[in-house]
Amino acid sequence: MLQKYEYKFVRLGEGLTGVRKSGRNEYQETVHQHARDGWRLVQIFAPGIGAYGAAKYFELIFEREI
């Protein structure tokens, strides 16, 4: 039996030069909310594209079985 998954991408804290403070503070609650709905956190991606190579946002990647 082949397991199938769906994925969800949630972007937090997008700012002009770096991640806004609110993004750094709200990621834990976002993970808990999604876990209650059956999602599993796979990865937090923070690309270095802001000022001085800092991350401009956090991208949370969740998966759950279909």
Protein backbone atom coordinates (compact mmCIF):
# COMPACT_ATOMS: atom_id res chain seq x y z
CA MET A 1 0.00 0.00 0.00
CA LEU A 2 1.50 3.30 -1.11
CA GLN A 3 1.16 6.16 1.37
CA LYS A 4 0.21 9.54 -0.08
CA TYR A 5 0.90 12.91 1.49
CA GLU A 6 -0.19 16.48 1.03
CA TYR A 7 2.01 19.47 1.81
CA LYS A 8 1.35 22.94 3.11
CA PHE A 9 3.71 25.92 3.02
CA VAL A 10 3.30 28.74 5.55
CA ARG A 11 5.36 31.93 5.26
CA LEU A 12 5.96 33.94 8.45
CA GLY A 13 7.55 37.27 9.29
CA GLU A 14 8.30 38.58 5.82
CA GLY A 15 10.08 41.93 6.10
CA LEU A 16 11.99 44.22 3.76
CA THR A 17 15.47 43.61 5.15
CA GLY A 18 14.96 40.63 7.43
CA VAL A 19 12.45 38.56 9.39
CA ARG A 20 10.13 40.72 11.46
CA LYS A 21 10.12 40.08 15.20
CA SER A 22 6.51 38.89 15.02
CA GLY A 23 7.61 36.06 12.71
CA ARG A 24 10.23 34.90 15.16
CA ASN A 25 7.66 34.91 17.96
CA GLU A 26 4.70 33.27 16.23
CA TYR A 27 6.29 30.20 14.63
CA GLN A 28 5.85 27.99 17.71
CA GLU A 29 2.12 28.71 17.94
CA THR A 30 1.78 28.09 14.19
CA VAL A 31 3.41 24.66 14.58
CA HIS A 32 1.09 23.77 17.48
CA GLN A 33 -2.02 24.90 15.57
CA HIS A 34 -1.13 22.80 12.54
CA ALA A 35 -0.24 19.77 14.68
CA ARG A 36 -3.74 19.86 16.19
CA ASP A 37 -5.09 19.58 12.62
CA GLY A 38 -2.94 16.54 11.83
CA TRP A 39 -0.02 18.29 10.11
CA ARG A 40 3.59 17.33 10.85
CA LEU A 41 6.38 19.90 10.63
CA VAL A 42 8.90 18.76 8.02
CA GLN A 43 11.24 21.72 7.76
CA ILE A 44 11.70 25.42 8.51
CA PHE A 45 13.31 27.12 5.54
CA ALA A 46 14.91 30.57 5.97
CA PRO A 47 16.48 31.77 2.72
CA GLY A 48 19.24 34.34 3.07
CA ILE A 49 17.91 37.04 0.77
CA GLY A 50 17.53 40.07 3.07
CA ALA A 51 20.08 42.64 4.18
CA TYR A 52 23.57 41.26 4.80
CA GLY A 53 22.42 37.76 3.84
CA ALA A 54 19.84 37.58 6.64
CA ALA A 55 16.68 35.59 6.11
CA LYS A 56 13.81 37.72 4.82
CA TYR A 57 11.12 35.29 6.04
CA PHE A 58 10.57 31.81 7.47
CA GLU A 59 8.82 29.19 5.34
CA LEU A 60 7.35 26.34 7.42
CA ILE A 61 6.71 23.13 5.50
CA PHE A 62 4.10 20.72 6.85
CA GLU A 63 2.90 17.33 5.63
CA ARG A 64 0.07 14.97 6.48
CA GLU A 65 -1.12 11.68 5.14
CA ILE A 66 -4.06 11.78 2.76
